[in-house]
Amino acid sequence: MARRGFGRLRGLLRELALGLGMLGLLGVMGLAACGDEAGGDDPVVLPPGVGAFPEATPPQAAVTQALDGLLAEFADAADPATMAAIDAYVAGHTPQEPPEDVVHHEPAGEADLLRMIGTKAFLMGDTATAGWCLTRAALLDPARGLSQVAFLLNQAQRYDEARVLGLKATTLAPDDPVAQGNLAFSYWRLGDLPRARFHQTLAVGLVPEDPWPKVRLGDIARDAGDVISAHLLYQIAQVRAPDDPEIAARLEATPLPEVASPLVPRMLGHVASAAQTPTLAEDIEAMVKPLDDQFTDRISETGDLKLAALDLRQAELQANLATNFGCQAECGSNDDCKLACFNAMCAAEVASHGKLADTLTPLPARDEAAATEFLSSMHAAVAQVLARHVNDPRTDAEDIAGVLTDARVREQEVWVMIEYGYSGTQAGVDLDAMYPAGFCEAAAEFAEQLAARRAMFANPGVTADICLDGVLCVGVNNGAISLSGNIGVLAGDIAYDPRTGDFTLGLGLGIKDPTGTIDASLALKFSRKQGVGVGADIKIGGPAKVKFGRDVYLGN
């Protein structure tokens, strides 16, 4: 079905289809297929920060700290007189409004001036001054300046620092092809080829008329082992720049493997016999459905592993509860036995939870790898199919746009599935961690209570005794038996604790009230097990008295 302008559209699609052997360039083809020159939604789909695709944007504080450090570094390396001259020029510069018929004029703001001076310094080989100017400009205007600082760091082979600034630059200015290309270069040099291909693909889509982003994308594809994509991207770039010797050299050094040769005539736009080839829909079904089925099977396997691990964990939890219940019942009133039961429950739960975490934690990465492999294969398959059908008279622009839309929707579905799968798995692990934490906390609390009770009995503090005739006393809260008496102001006592086998002798001073109701004493204590100390007690009552006492030993 002929449409106005379809010939140009078809040519552009054919060109773009040559290099579409990776995730992300699908968005560029979608833009061309829609042909929306007046604007519209950006068709490039950004996965939600998962796996081999966009990383989380660094916080502004980290970016500012990095820029401050770079500014100090460049200031130390730059010539002080040059920096002073630049400061004076920027401070004294008054921008002039240009005449109406003049397009080019000097930049108006401080950041613009610093970028201009920094660029000139870099071209003259003064890297320190360039870095000082461009870093100041980035602090004043991050959206326009960060990518230039990232470029300088890439040139200095400081790729990881450039990556941090590049991530922030592409967040602030996602439509800047230079920012996307700089970030892609950082990833490329760091060996992170999936992310490098993704961001370089975005750069290609932003400037489709420029051959060099395609060349760089071809370089990355070549290093990733994708020779077909690299060759075809070099071939597209050569169409844009036929006299460029570097592009010609790359193309010559990257021949197509023999297995790809039969595809080349179709991918270059030669018309195949419609009677001998399937329709676009049939070809997409045949190429993509097996990949989708395989991916679905791998995700289902992960779900089965997760369910099996959770079922096993639930069974072990029930078994641990039953074991602890039986253990506590057998202990009776033996606190040491009960504490051992609590500790055994704690250890069993920690081990069981650990097995669950070891099983579940790697599953999101497994799904993520499956998603990355599937989407890469799916987009490559779509590219090949579109290249075969772009000149097929049975295929029109709506058919191509529909294929691209379906692929983008499927990509979004896959990443949403991966993101929710990761969140759900992590939530399951975190929720299950409450069980061993609760049981171990209970064991610790019981041990603490038991120790406190034993400490109280070992050193009861204030003792209470019942004394017959004020002489023979039997401990109420410590079980000790004592004999005490007074001779004038002298007081003495002797005590025996049957629980510990300890003998205590006390000698001191005593005083009684005239009625004999209250009898108090302060004595020096000698204990066979606790050493020397001081004790005070008071007896209250008639012939049968209640004695309250407190002994403190130097050893305590």
Protein backbone atom coordinates (compact mmCIF):
# COMPACT_ATOMS: atom_id res chain seq x y z
CA MET A 1 0.00 0.00 0.00
CA ALA A 2 1.66 3.24 -1.22
CA ARG A 3 1.78 6.21 1.12
CA ARG A 4 3.12 9.73 0.72
CA GLY A 5 6.70 9.86 1.92
CA PHE A 6 6.92 6.11 2.51
CA GLY A 7 9.92 5.81 0.16
CA ARG A 8 12.03 8.06 2.41
CA LEU A 9 10.72 6.34 5.51
CA ARG A 10 11.51 2.93 4.08
CA GLY A 11 15.05 3.98 3.22
CA LEU A 12 15.66 5.26 6.74
CA LEU A 13 14.21 2.10 8.24
CA ARG A 14 16.45 -0.02 6.05
CA GLU A 15 19.49 1.94 7.17
CA LEU A 16 18.60 1.72 10.85
CA ALA A 17 17.69 -1.95 10.62
CA LEU A 18 21.26 -2.81 9.65
CA GLY A 19 22.60 -1.91 13.08
CA LEU A 20 19.76 -3.13 15.24
CA GLY A 21 21.45 -6.16 16.78
CA MET A 22 21.08 -5.01 20.36
CA LEU A 23 18.74 -3.72 23.06
CA GLY A 24 17.83 -0.06 22.76
CA LEU A 25 18.18 0.68 19.03
CA LEU A 26 14.62 -0.57 18.80
CA GLY A 27 13.60 2.83 20.18
CA VAL A 28 15.42 4.57 17.34
CA MET A 29 13.64 2.45 14.74
CA GLY A 30 10.36 3.17 16.47
CA LEU A 31 11.00 6.89 16.13
CA ALA A 32 11.69 6.50 12.43
CA ALA A 33 8.71 4.23 11.86
CA CYS A 34 6.32 6.63 13.56
CA GLY A 35 7.72 9.50 11.46
CA ASP A 36 6.48 12.06 14.00
CA GLU A 37 8.43 15.14 12.95
CA ALA A 38 6.14 17.44 14.92
CA GLY A 39 6.98 15.86 18.26
CA GLY A 40 5.24 13.28 20.41
CA ASP A 41 6.16 10.77 23.05
CA ASP A 42 9.74 9.59 23.12
CA PRO A 43 9.62 5.95 21.97
CA VAL A 44 12.90 4.97 23.62
CA VAL A 45 12.04 2.72 26.54
CA LEU A 46 14.32 2.97 29.55
CA PRO A 47 14.27 -0.14 31.76
CA PRO A 48 13.66 0.82 35.41
CA GLY A 49 17.24 0.66 36.64
CA VAL A 50 17.54 -3.12 36.53
CA GLY A 51 20.58 -5.22 35.90
CA ALA A 52 22.61 -4.54 32.81
CA PHE A 53 20.88 -1.28 32.03
CA PRO A 54 20.64 2.20 33.60
CA GLU A 55 22.23 2.49 37.01
CA ALA A 56 20.70 4.56 39.78
CA THR A 57 21.53 8.24 39.52
CA PRO A 58 24.15 9.26 42.11
CA PRO A 59 22.88 11.73 44.72
CA GLN A 60 23.61 15.39 44.14
CA ALA A 61 25.74 15.53 47.28
CA ALA A 62 28.09 12.87 45.89
CA VAL A 63 28.36 14.68 42.55
CA THR A 64 29.04 18.03 44.24
CA GLN A 65 31.69 16.43 46.45
CA ALA A 66 33.36 14.89 43.40
CA LEU A 67 33.34 18.23 41.56
CA ASP A 68 34.76 20.05 44.60
CA GLY A 69 37.60 17.55 44.76
CA LEU A 70 38.31 17.89 41.04
CA LEU A 71 38.23 21.70 41.27
CA ALA A 72 40.86 21.64 44.03
CA GLU A 73 42.97 19.17 42.03
CA PHE A 74 42.85 21.23 38.84
CA ALA A 75 43.50 24.47 40.78
CA ASP A 76 46.69 22.96 42.24
CA ALA A 77 47.87 21.97 38.76
CA ALA A 78 46.88 25.12 36.84
CA ASP A 79 48.98 28.28 36.53
CA PRO A 80 47.91 30.82 39.23
CA ALA A 81 48.43 33.79 36.92
CA THR A 82 46.24 32.21 34.26
CA MET A 83 43.46 31.51 36.76
CA ALA A 84 43.65 35.07 38.09
CA ALA A 85 43.38 36.45 34.57
CA ILE A 86 40.36 34.26 33.85
CA ASP A 87 38.69 35.36 37.09
CA ALA A 88 39.26 39.00 36.19
CA TYR A 89 37.89 38.49 32.68
CA VAL A 90 34.76 36.70 33.90
CA ALA A 91 34.15 39.26 36.66
CA GLY A 92 34.52 42.22 34.31
CA HIS A 93 32.67 40.80 31.35
CA THR A 94 29.41 42.50 30.45
CA PRO A 95 27.52 40.57 27.79
CA GLN A 96 26.15 42.62 24.94
CA GLU A 97 22.91 41.92 23.19
CA PRO A 98 23.75 41.09 19.55
CA PRO A 99 22.19 42.93 16.60
CA GLU A 100 19.11 41.29 15.19
CA ASP A 101 20.93 40.04 12.08
CA VAL A 102 23.78 38.43 14.08
CA VAL A 103 23.31 34.81 15.07
CA HIS A 104 26.61 34.06 16.82
CA HIS A 105 27.51 36.09 19.88
CA GLU A 106 29.47 35.70 23.10
CA PRO A 107 27.90 33.66 25.87
CA ALA A 108 25.94 35.62 28.43
CA GLY A 109 26.43 33.84 31.77
CA GLU A 110 29.45 32.95 33.92
CA ALA A 111 29.03 29.24 33.26
CA ASP A 112 28.90 29.87 29.49
CA LEU A 113 32.09 31.95 29.64
CA LEU A 114 33.91 29.30 31.67
CA ARG A 115 32.84 26.57 29.25
CA MET A 116 34.08 28.63 26.31
CA ILE A 117 37.46 29.35 27.95
CA GLY A 118 37.80 25.75 29.17
CA THR A 119 37.15 24.37 25.68
CA LYS A 120 39.78 26.68 24.17
CA ALA A 121 42.27 25.69 26.88
CA PHE A 122 41.68 22.00 26.18
CA LEU A 123 42.20 22.50 22.44
CA MET A 124 45.47 24.28 23.25
CA GLY A 125 46.61 21.34 25.39
CA ASP A 126 46.24 23.04 28.81
CA THR A 127 44.31 20.29 30.54
CA ALA A 128 44.64 21.72 34.06
CA THR A 129 43.17 25.10 33.11
CA ALA A 130 40.50 23.39 31.02
CA GLY A 131 39.54 21.18 33.95
CA TRP A 132 39.47 24.13 36.35
CA CYS A 133 37.15 26.14 34.06
CA LEU A 134 34.87 23.26 33.07
CA THR A 135 34.51 22.01 36.66
CA ARG A 136 33.50 25.50 37.83
CA ALA A 137 31.00 25.65 34.97
CA ALA A 138 29.59 22.26 35.96
CA LEU A 139 29.08 23.44 39.54
CA LEU A 140 27.19 26.48 38.23
CA ASP A 141 25.22 24.65 35.50
CA PRO A 142 25.34 20.85 35.99
CA ALA A 143 22.88 20.05 33.18
CA ARG A 144 25.20 21.50 30.54
CA GLY A 145 28.58 21.14 32.20
CA LEU A 146 28.84 17.67 33.72
CA SER A 147 29.28 15.85 30.42
CA GLN A 148 32.31 18.03 29.55
CA VAL A 149 34.01 17.19 32.85
CA ALA A 150 33.18 13.52 32.26
CA PHE A 151 34.83 13.84 28.83
CA LEU A 152 38.00 15.22 30.42
CA LEU A 153 38.09 12.36 32.93
CA ASN A 154 37.61 9.82 30.13
CA GLN A 155 40.55 11.38 28.30
CA ALA A 156 42.61 11.00 31.49
CA GLN A 157 41.54 7.33 31.72
CA ARG A 158 39.71 8.00 34.99
CA TYR A 159 36.73 6.07 33.76
CA ASP A 160 34.96 5.28 37.03
CA GLU A 161 34.96 8.94 38.09
CA ALA A 162 33.69 9.86 34.62
CA ARG A 163 30.95 7.25 34.98
CA VAL A 164 29.55 8.89 38.14
CA LEU A 165 29.40 12.33 36.53
CA GLY A 166 28.09 10.85 33.29
CA LEU A 167 25.19 9.17 35.09
CA LYS A 168 24.16 12.49 36.59
CA ALA A 169 24.62 14.27 33.24
CA THR A 170 22.34 11.84 31.39
CA THR A 171 19.72 12.25 34.11
CA LEU A 172 19.76 16.03 33.90
CA ALA A 173 20.02 16.09 30.09
CA PRO A 174 18.77 12.75 28.71
CA ASP A 175 18.48 14.20 25.18
CA ASP A 176 22.12 15.26 25.04
CA PRO A 177 23.93 12.87 22.66
CA VAL A 178 27.33 13.99 23.98
CA ALA A 179 26.36 13.07 27.55
CA GLN A 180 25.03 9.66 26.43
CA GLY A 181 28.17 9.03 24.37
CA ASN A 182 30.53 10.03 27.18
CA LEU A 183 28.76 7.69 29.61
CA ALA A 184 28.83 4.89 27.03
CA PHE A 185 32.59 5.45 26.57
CA SER A 186 33.16 5.19 30.35
CA TYR A 187 31.26 1.91 30.52
CA TRP A 188 33.09 0.62 27.44
CA ARG A 189 36.49 1.27 28.95
CA LEU A 190 35.38 -0.23 32.27
CA GLY A 191 34.40 -3.41 30.43
CA ASP A 192 30.66 -2.99 31.08
CA LEU A 193 29.60 -3.65 27.49
CA PRO A 194 25.82 -4.07 28.02
CA ARG A 195 25.50 -0.61 29.58
CA ALA A 196 27.91 0.85 27.04
CA ARG A 197 25.78 -0.47 24.16
CA PHE A 198 22.60 0.81 25.76
CA HIS A 199 23.75 4.41 26.24
CA GLN A 200 25.59 4.56 22.90
CA THR A 201 22.38 3.39 21.23
CA LEU A 202 20.57 6.35 22.78
CA ALA A 203 23.29 8.65 21.42
CA VAL A 204 22.77 7.19 17.93
CA GLY A 205 19.05 7.82 18.12
CA LEU A 206 19.57 11.45 19.16
CA VAL A 207 21.80 12.29 16.17
CA PRO A 208 20.93 9.78 13.41
CA GLU A 209 22.64 11.94 10.77
CA ASP A 210 26.06 11.77 12.54
CA PRO A 211 28.13 8.75 11.45
CA TRP A 212 30.50 8.67 14.44
CA PRO A 213 28.03 7.63 17.16
CA LYS A 214 27.26 4.65 14.89
CA VAL A 215 30.99 3.94 14.56
CA ARG A 216 31.39 3.97 18.35
CA LEU A 217 28.36 1.68 18.70
CA GLY A 218 29.98 -0.63 16.17
CA ASP A 219 33.21 -0.63 18.19
CA ILE A 220 31.32 -1.63 21.33
CA ALA A 221 29.36 -4.33 19.46
CA ARG A 222 32.63 -5.67 18.01
CA ASP A 223 34.20 -5.92 21.48
CA ALA A 224 31.06 -7.71 22.67
CA GLY A 225 31.55 -10.32 19.92
CA ASP A 226 28.61 -9.11 17.82
CA VAL A 227 30.47 -8.95 14.51
CA ILE A 228 27.32 -8.73 12.38
CA SER A 229 26.03 -5.63 14.18
CA ALA A 230 29.48 -4.03 14.13
CA HIS A 231 29.89 -4.60 10.37
CA LEU A 232 26.45 -3.26 9.54
CA LEU A 233 26.89 -0.18 11.76
CA TYR A 234 30.21 0.60 10.05
CA GLN A 235 28.45 0.16 6.71
CA ILE A 236 25.72 2.65 7.72
CA ALA A 237 28.38 5.11 8.90
CA GLN A 238 30.21 4.80 5.59
CA VAL A 239 27.01 5.70 3.76
CA ARG A 240 26.96 8.91 5.81
CA ALA A 241 30.72 9.56 5.40
CA PRO A 242 31.94 7.70 2.30
CA ASP A 243 35.36 9.44 2.23
CA ASP A 244 36.32 8.87 5.87
CA PRO A 245 39.39 6.57 5.90
CA GLU A 246 38.94 5.51 9.54
CA ILE A 247 35.43 4.24 8.92
CA ALA A 248 36.57 2.44 5.76
CA ALA A 249 39.40 0.79 7.71
CA ARG A 250 37.03 -0.42 10.41
CA LEU A 251 34.64 -1.84 7.83
CA GLU A 252 37.44 -3.66 6.05
CA ALA A 253 38.78 -5.05 9.35
CA THR A 254 35.35 -6.38 10.37
CA PRO A 255 34.06 -8.65 7.58
CA LEU A 256 30.80 -10.49 7.95
CA PRO A 257 31.09 -14.15 8.92
CA GLU A 258 30.02 -16.60 6.24
CA VAL A 259 26.88 -17.60 8.13
CA ALA A 260 25.60 -14.02 7.85
CA SER A 261 26.34 -13.59 4.14
CA PRO A 262 22.96 -14.84 2.84
CA LEU A 263 21.21 -12.17 4.96
CA VAL A 264 23.19 -9.27 3.54
CA PRO A 265 21.32 -8.76 0.24
CA ARG A 266 18.01 -8.52 2.09
CA MET A 267 19.43 -6.31 4.80
CA LEU A 268 20.75 -3.94 2.14
CA GLY A 269 17.30 -3.60 0.70
CA HIS A 270 17.18 -6.04 -2.20
CA VAL A 271 13.63 -7.20 -2.80
CA ALA A 272 12.97 -10.86 -2.16
CA SER A 273 10.26 -12.77 -3.89
CA ALA A 274 7.08 -12.29 -1.89
CA ALA A 275 5.81 -15.68 -2.96
CA GLN A 276 8.81 -17.42 -1.38
CA THR A 277 8.89 -15.57 1.95
CA PRO A 278 6.48 -15.44 4.91
CA THR A 279 4.60 -12.30 5.78
CA LEU A 280 5.94 -9.91 8.41
CA ALA A 281 3.53 -11.24 11.05
CA GLU A 282 4.40 -14.86 10.23
CA ASP A 283 8.12 -14.12 10.34
CA ILE A 284 7.83 -12.32 13.70
CA GLU A 285 5.81 -15.23 15.12
CA ALA A 286 8.37 -17.76 13.93
CA MET A 287 11.38 -15.81 15.21
CA VAL A 288 10.16 -14.27 18.46
CA LYS A 289 7.68 -16.78 19.92
CA PRO A 290 10.28 -19.52 20.59
CA LEU A 291 12.46 -16.94 22.39
CA ASP A 292 9.48 -15.77 24.45
CA ASP A 293 8.48 -19.34 25.30
CA GLN A 294 12.02 -20.15 26.41
CA PHE A 295 12.15 -17.03 28.61
CA THR A 296 8.74 -17.84 30.14
CA ASP A 297 9.94 -21.35 30.94
CA ARG A 298 13.03 -20.01 32.71
CA ILE A 299 10.94 -17.59 34.77
CA SER A 300 8.55 -20.43 35.66
CA GLU A 301 11.51 -22.54 36.81
CA THR A 302 12.54 -19.72 39.11
CA GLY A 303 9.00 -19.54 40.50
CA ASP A 304 9.05 -23.29 41.16
CA LEU A 305 12.38 -23.01 42.98
CA LYS A 306 11.01 -20.17 45.10
CA LEU A 307 7.84 -22.08 46.05
CA ALA A 308 9.83 -25.22 46.90
CA ALA A 309 12.19 -23.22 49.13
CA LEU A 310 9.28 -21.52 50.93
CA ASP A 311 7.47 -24.84 51.45
CA LEU A 312 10.62 -26.38 52.91
CA ARG A 313 11.12 -23.38 55.18
CA GLN A 314 7.53 -23.60 56.46
CA ALA A 315 7.96 -27.31 57.20
CA GLU A 316 11.22 -26.67 59.07
CA LEU A 317 9.61 -23.87 61.09
CA GLN A 318 6.77 -26.16 62.20
CA ALA A 319 9.27 -28.89 63.07
CA ASN A 320 11.40 -26.47 65.10
CA LEU A 321 8.33 -25.26 67.01
CA ALA A 322 7.28 -28.83 67.80
CA THR A 323 10.80 -29.74 68.92
CA ASN A 324 11.02 -26.74 71.21
CA PHE A 325 7.59 -27.45 72.72
CA GLY A 326 8.59 -31.03 73.52
CA CYS A 327 11.96 -29.95 74.87
CA GLN A 328 10.38 -27.39 77.22
CA ALA A 329 7.86 -29.97 78.47
CA GLU A 330 10.63 -32.45 79.31
CA CYS A 331 12.60 -29.81 81.24
CA GLY A 332 9.89 -29.24 83.84
CA SER A 333 11.25 -26.64 86.29
CA ASN A 334 14.90 -27.02 85.22
CA ASP A 335 15.82 -23.53 84.01
CA ASP A 336 19.16 -24.59 82.53
CA CYS A 337 17.37 -27.19 80.45
CA LYS A 338 14.82 -24.62 79.28
CA LEU A 339 17.60 -22.23 78.30
CA ALA A 340 19.26 -24.99 76.28
CA CYS A 341 15.93 -25.55 74.50
CA PHE A 342 15.65 -21.85 73.66
CA ASN A 343 19.23 -21.75 72.35
CA ALA A 344 18.69 -24.86 70.24
CA MET A 345 15.53 -23.29 68.75
CA CYS A 346 17.46 -20.12 67.98
CA ALA A 347 20.27 -22.02 66.25
CA ALA A 348 17.85 -24.18 64.25
CA GLU A 349 15.89 -21.13 63.06
CA VAL A 350 19.04 -19.23 62.08
CA ALA A 351 20.23 -22.23 60.04
CA SER A 352 16.83 -22.74 58.41
CA HIS A 353 16.48 -19.06 57.50
CA GLY A 354 20.02 -19.07 56.14
CA LYS A 355 19.16 -21.91 53.77
CA LEU A 356 16.10 -20.00 52.57
CA ALA A 357 18.09 -16.80 52.00
CA ASP A 358 20.85 -18.72 50.18
CA THR A 359 18.23 -20.21 47.87
CA LEU A 360 16.12 -17.10 47.23
CA THR A 361 18.75 -14.35 47.07
CA PRO A 362 20.36 -15.49 43.76
CA LEU A 363 16.99 -15.96 42.01
CA PRO A 364 16.43 -12.31 40.97
CA ALA A 365 19.87 -12.26 39.32
CA ARG A 366 18.95 -15.49 37.53
CA ASP A 367 15.74 -13.91 36.22
CA GLU A 368 17.59 -10.72 35.34
CA ALA A 369 20.13 -12.64 33.27
CA ALA A 370 17.31 -14.49 31.52
CA ALA A 371 15.54 -11.18 30.79
CA THR A 372 18.71 -9.57 29.43
CA GLU A 373 19.40 -12.54 27.18
CA PHE A 374 15.78 -12.72 25.99
CA LEU A 375 15.44 -8.99 25.24
CA SER A 376 18.76 -8.88 23.41
CA SER A 377 17.76 -11.90 21.31
CA MET A 378 14.25 -10.55 20.75
CA HIS A 379 15.44 -7.17 19.50
CA ALA A 380 18.04 -8.77 17.26
CA ALA A 381 15.35 -11.05 15.82
CA VAL A 382 12.98 -8.11 15.28
CA ALA A 383 15.77 -6.21 13.53
CA GLN A 384 16.47 -9.09 11.19
CA VAL A 385 12.80 -9.58 10.40
CA LEU A 386 12.23 -5.88 9.70
CA ALA A 387 15.30 -5.79 7.48
CA ARG A 388 13.90 -8.68 5.46
CA HIS A 389 10.45 -7.12 5.10
CA VAL A 390 11.18 -3.40 4.75
CA ASN A 391 10.96 -3.65 0.92
CA ASP A 392 8.25 -6.29 0.88
CA PRO A 393 5.22 -4.86 -1.00
CA ARG A 394 2.96 -6.68 1.47
CA THR A 395 4.37 -4.61 4.38
CA ASP A 396 3.34 -1.03 5.09
CA ALA A 397 4.37 1.54 7.71
CA GLU A 398 1.56 0.59 10.09
CA ASP A 399 2.74 -3.03 10.11
CA ILE A 400 6.27 -2.00 11.02
CA ALA A 401 5.09 0.43 13.68
CA GLY A 402 2.90 -2.32 15.18
CA VAL A 403 5.85 -4.72 15.44
CA LEU A 404 7.95 -2.06 17.14
CA THR A 405 5.16 -1.15 19.56
CA ASP A 406 4.61 -4.81 20.49
CA ALA A 407 8.32 -5.23 21.17
CA ARG A 408 8.46 -2.13 23.36
CA VAL A 409 5.41 -3.24 25.32
CA ARG A 410 6.91 -6.68 25.84
CA GLU A 411 10.16 -5.10 27.03
CA GLN A 412 8.30 -3.02 29.58
CA GLU A 413 6.37 -6.09 30.75
CA VAL A 414 9.59 -8.04 31.21
CA TRP A 415 11.30 -5.37 33.30
CA VAL A 416 8.22 -4.81 35.44
CA MET A 417 8.12 -8.58 36.04
CA ILE A 418 11.81 -8.62 37.02
CA GLU A 419 11.45 -5.61 39.31
CA TYR A 420 8.43 -7.02 41.12
CA GLY A 421 10.08 -10.42 41.34
CA TYR A 422 13.14 -8.90 43.00
CA SER A 423 11.04 -6.83 45.43
CA GLY A 424 8.85 -9.81 46.32
CA THR A 425 11.81 -12.13 46.87
CA GLN A 426 13.62 -9.62 49.05
CA ALA A 427 10.46 -8.96 51.05
CA GLY A 428 10.03 -12.70 51.60
CA VAL A 429 13.59 -13.06 52.91
CA ASP A 430 13.23 -10.02 55.17
CA LEU A 431 9.88 -11.21 56.53
CA ASP A 432 11.19 -14.68 57.30
CA ALA A 433 14.16 -13.16 59.16
CA MET A 434 11.74 -12.06 61.87
CA TYR A 435 11.26 -15.67 63.00
CA PRO A 436 14.88 -16.48 63.98
CA ALA A 437 15.29 -12.94 65.31
CA GLY A 438 12.27 -13.39 67.56
CA PHE A 439 13.32 -16.80 68.87
CA CYS A 440 16.91 -15.72 69.47
CA GLU A 441 15.70 -12.62 71.25
CA ALA A 442 13.47 -14.77 73.46
CA ALA A 443 16.44 -17.03 74.29
CA ALA A 444 18.58 -14.02 75.20
CA GLU A 445 15.84 -12.55 77.39
CA PHE A 446 15.36 -15.85 79.21
CA ALA A 447 19.10 -16.16 79.79
CA GLU A 448 19.19 -12.61 81.12
CA GLN A 449 16.27 -13.22 83.46
CA LEU A 450 17.82 -16.46 84.70
CA ALA A 451 21.14 -14.74 85.36
CA ALA A 452 19.39 -11.92 87.20
CA ARG A 453 17.51 -14.33 89.45
CA ARG A 454 20.68 -16.24 90.23
CA ALA A 455 22.58 -13.06 90.93
CA MET A 456 19.84 -12.00 93.31
CA PHE A 457 20.09 -15.27 95.24
CA ALA A 458 23.88 -15.32 95.10
CA ASN A 459 24.04 -11.79 96.49
CA PRO A 460 20.53 -11.15 97.83
CA GLY A 461 21.30 -7.67 99.18
CA VAL A 462 18.91 -7.11 102.07
CA THR A 463 18.20 -10.38 103.86
CA ALA A 464 15.13 -11.13 105.92
CA ASP A 465 15.20 -13.57 108.84
CA ILE A 466 12.83 -14.83 111.52
CA CYS A 467 14.54 -14.93 114.90
CA LEU A 468 13.34 -16.92 117.93
CA ASP A 469 14.01 -15.13 121.22
CA GLY A 470 16.17 -12.80 119.14
CA VAL A 471 18.97 -15.40 119.08
CA LEU A 472 18.35 -18.21 116.56
CA CYS A 473 17.50 -16.78 113.15
CA VAL A 474 16.41 -18.58 109.99
CA GLY A 475 16.70 -16.77 106.64
CA VAL A 476 13.51 -16.19 104.70
CA ASN A 477 15.00 -15.21 101.33
CA ASN A 478 18.49 -16.70 101.56
CA GLY A 479 18.06 -19.88 103.60
CA ALA A 480 20.91 -19.07 106.02
CA ILE A 481 20.78 -20.15 109.70
CA SER A 482 22.40 -17.86 112.25
CA LEU A 483 22.92 -17.39 115.98
CA SER A 484 23.34 -13.87 117.31
CA GLY A 485 23.65 -12.23 120.72
CA ASN A 486 24.78 -9.16 122.66
CA ILE A 487 27.00 -8.67 125.68
CA GLY A 488 26.55 -5.11 126.69
CA VAL A 489 27.43 -3.05 123.63
CA LEU A 490 29.25 -5.93 122.01
CA ALA A 491 27.36 -7.91 119.37
CA GLY A 492 28.26 -11.08 117.55
CA ASP A 493 26.75 -13.66 115.23
CA ILE A 494 27.66 -16.83 113.41
CA ALA A 495 25.81 -18.02 110.31
CA TYR A 496 25.77 -20.99 107.96
CA ASP A 497 24.33 -20.99 104.40
CA PRO A 498 23.34 -24.56 103.48
CA ARG A 499 23.03 -23.64 99.80
CA THR A 500 26.66 -22.57 99.42
CA GLY A 501 28.25 -24.21 102.44
CA ASP A 502 29.59 -20.83 103.57
CA PHE A 503 30.29 -19.99 107.28
CA THR A 504 30.22 -16.37 108.40
CA LEU A 505 31.40 -14.83 111.70
CA GLY A 506 30.42 -11.30 112.71
CA LEU A 507 31.86 -9.18 115.59
CA GLY A 508 30.82 -5.60 116.30
CA LEU A 509 28.72 -3.21 118.32
CA GLY A 510 25.04 -3.45 119.17
CA ILE A 511 22.39 -1.25 120.70
CA LYS A 512 18.89 -1.91 122.06
CA ASP A 513 16.02 0.39 122.87
CA PRO A 514 14.86 0.34 126.55
CA THR A 515 11.82 -1.78 125.71
CA GLY A 516 13.87 -4.41 123.86
CA THR A 517 11.67 -4.09 120.78
CA ILE A 518 14.41 -2.82 118.51
CA ASP A 519 17.89 -4.30 118.40
CA ALA A 520 20.49 -2.96 115.90
CA SER A 521 24.11 -3.92 115.28
CA LEU A 522 27.06 -3.10 113.05
CA ALA A 523 29.69 -5.80 112.72
CA LEU A 524 32.85 -6.77 110.91
CA LYS A 525 32.14 -9.91 108.87
CA PHE A 526 34.49 -12.81 108.14
CA SER A 527 33.25 -15.22 105.44
CA ARG A 528 35.02 -18.40 104.50
CA LYS A 529 34.14 -17.90 100.81
CA GLN A 530 33.62 -14.15 100.43
CA GLY A 531 36.37 -12.80 102.62
CA VAL A 532 36.14 -9.75 104.86
CA GLY A 533 33.22 -7.36 104.86
CA VAL A 534 30.85 -5.25 106.90
CA GLY A 535 27.32 -6.14 107.94
CA ALA A 536 24.44 -4.23 109.50
CA ASP A 537 21.15 -5.60 110.77
CA ILE A 538 18.13 -4.60 112.77
CA LYS A 539 15.73 -6.81 114.71
CA ILE A 540 12.18 -5.70 115.39
CA GLY A 541 9.54 -7.35 117.53
CA GLY A 542 8.93 -9.15 120.78
CA PRO A 543 10.38 -12.51 121.70
CA ALA A 544 10.08 -13.55 118.05
CA LYS A 545 11.70 -10.90 115.95
CA VAL A 546 12.10 -10.11 112.26
CA LYS A 547 15.68 -9.30 111.28
CA PHE A 548 16.69 -7.30 108.21
CA GLY A 549 20.35 -7.31 107.30
CA ARG A 550 22.78 -6.24 104.59
CA ASP A 551 26.33 -7.57 104.20
CA VAL A 552 28.92 -6.04 101.87
CA TYR A 553 32.22 -7.84 101.19
CA LEU A 554 35.39 -6.40 99.73
CA GLY A 555 35.39 -9.11 97.12
CA ASN A 556 32.06 -7.84 95.80
